[in-house]
Amino acid sequence: MDMRKEGVFCEYFLLISATSQRHAKSLAGAIADKLEEEGARLHHREGYKELLWVLLDYGATVIHIFGEPQIRDFYDLERLWSDVPKLKIE
């Protein structure tokens, strides 16, 4: 989600659905490792213990990894931020 015009704390939200909590942990680790290699600095990480919703805060980009589909459905960030432009990444 392109948050730049919203004047919030970041420029982008990246939303990722994992197929399980184990998958969420693997995705979070791989993303953190790759971004660290690229020189990005992780400011804050939440939810890594429970793995239901992992948040990785890289300042301009905040990554949300949902470990279970019902968690993403419950919080429905797409509806909450329905007015912001969506960018699809393959």
Protein backbone atom coordinates (compact mmCIF):
# COMPACT_ATOMS: atom_id res chain seq x y z
CA MET A 1 0.00 0.00 0.00
CA ASP A 2 1.32 3.41 -0.94
CA MET A 3 0.98 5.47 2.25
CA ARG A 4 2.96 8.52 1.10
CA LYS A 5 -0.05 10.82 0.73
CA GLU A 6 -1.52 9.80 4.08
CA GLY A 7 1.09 11.63 6.12
CA VAL A 8 1.50 8.67 8.45
CA PHE A 9 4.67 7.23 9.94
CA CYS A 10 5.78 5.33 6.82
CA GLU A 11 5.69 5.44 3.04
CA TYR A 12 4.63 1.86 2.34
CA PHE A 13 2.80 -1.01 3.99
CA LEU A 14 3.69 -4.41 2.58
CA LEU A 15 1.11 -7.09 3.43
CA ILE A 16 2.07 -10.76 3.16
CA SER A 17 -0.02 -13.84 3.86
CA ALA A 18 1.81 -16.91 5.07
CA THR A 19 0.30 -20.37 4.93
CA SER A 20 1.22 -21.18 8.55
CA GLN A 21 3.06 -19.81 11.56
CA ARG A 22 6.17 -21.71 10.50
CA HIS A 23 5.91 -20.13 7.05
CA ALA A 24 5.55 -16.68 8.67
CA LYS A 25 8.73 -17.26 10.67
CA SER A 26 10.59 -18.37 7.54
CA LEU A 27 9.37 -15.38 5.53
CA ALA A 28 10.23 -12.91 8.30
CA GLY A 29 13.71 -14.37 8.66
CA ALA A 30 14.40 -14.40 4.93
CA ILE A 31 13.16 -10.83 4.49
CA ALA A 32 15.18 -9.56 7.45
CA ASP A 33 18.33 -11.35 6.23
CA LYS A 34 18.02 -10.01 2.68
CA LEU A 35 17.27 -6.45 3.76
CA GLU A 36 20.19 -6.54 6.20
CA GLU A 37 22.45 -7.63 3.31
CA GLU A 38 21.16 -4.62 1.38
CA GLY A 39 22.01 -2.30 4.27
CA ALA A 40 18.46 -1.69 5.53
CA ARG A 41 18.13 -1.12 9.27
CA LEU A 42 15.38 -2.88 11.19
CA HIS A 43 13.90 -0.34 13.62
CA HIS A 44 11.40 -2.58 15.34
CA ARG A 45 10.01 -6.11 15.20
CA GLU A 46 6.80 -7.36 16.81
CA GLY A 47 4.92 -10.63 16.93
CA TYR A 48 7.90 -12.87 16.25
CA LYS A 49 7.19 -14.99 19.31
CA GLU A 50 3.54 -15.76 18.52
CA LEU A 51 3.90 -15.65 14.69
CA LEU A 52 0.25 -14.75 14.13
CA TRP A 53 1.10 -11.27 12.84
CA VAL A 54 4.75 -10.34 12.43
CA LEU A 55 5.55 -6.68 11.94
CA LEU A 56 8.93 -5.58 10.59
CA ASP A 57 9.48 -1.83 10.72
CA TYR A 58 12.14 -0.51 8.37
CA GLY A 59 11.18 3.14 8.74
CA ALA A 60 9.86 4.04 5.30
CA THR A 61 8.44 0.54 4.84
CA VAL A 62 6.48 -1.49 7.37
CA ILE A 63 6.05 -5.17 6.53
CA HIS A 64 3.10 -7.13 7.91
CA ILE A 65 3.30 -10.92 7.70
CA PHE A 66 0.12 -12.73 8.69
CA GLY A 67 0.74 -16.27 9.93
CA GLU A 68 -2.87 -17.35 9.60
CA PRO A 69 -5.47 -16.22 7.02
CA GLN A 70 -8.12 -15.50 9.66
CA ILE A 71 -5.81 -12.99 11.37
CA ARG A 72 -5.43 -11.01 8.13
CA ASP A 73 -9.19 -11.25 7.55
CA PHE A 74 -9.96 -10.10 11.11
CA TYR A 75 -7.79 -6.98 11.01
CA ASP A 76 -8.59 -6.31 7.33
CA LEU A 77 -5.96 -3.61 6.77
CA GLU A 78 -7.01 -3.41 3.13
CA ARG A 79 -10.46 -2.18 4.21
CA LEU A 80 -9.05 0.09 6.91
CA TRP A 81 -6.79 1.75 4.33
CA SER A 82 -9.16 1.30 1.37
CA ASP A 83 -8.54 4.82 0.08
CA VAL A 84 -4.77 4.43 -0.43
CA PRO A 85 -3.30 3.24 -3.74
CA LYS A 86 -2.47 -0.46 -3.86
CA LEU A 87 0.67 -1.68 -5.56
CA LYS A 88 0.82 -5.35 -6.53
CA ILE A 89 4.19 -7.06 -6.26
CA GLU A 90 4.60 -10.46 -7.90
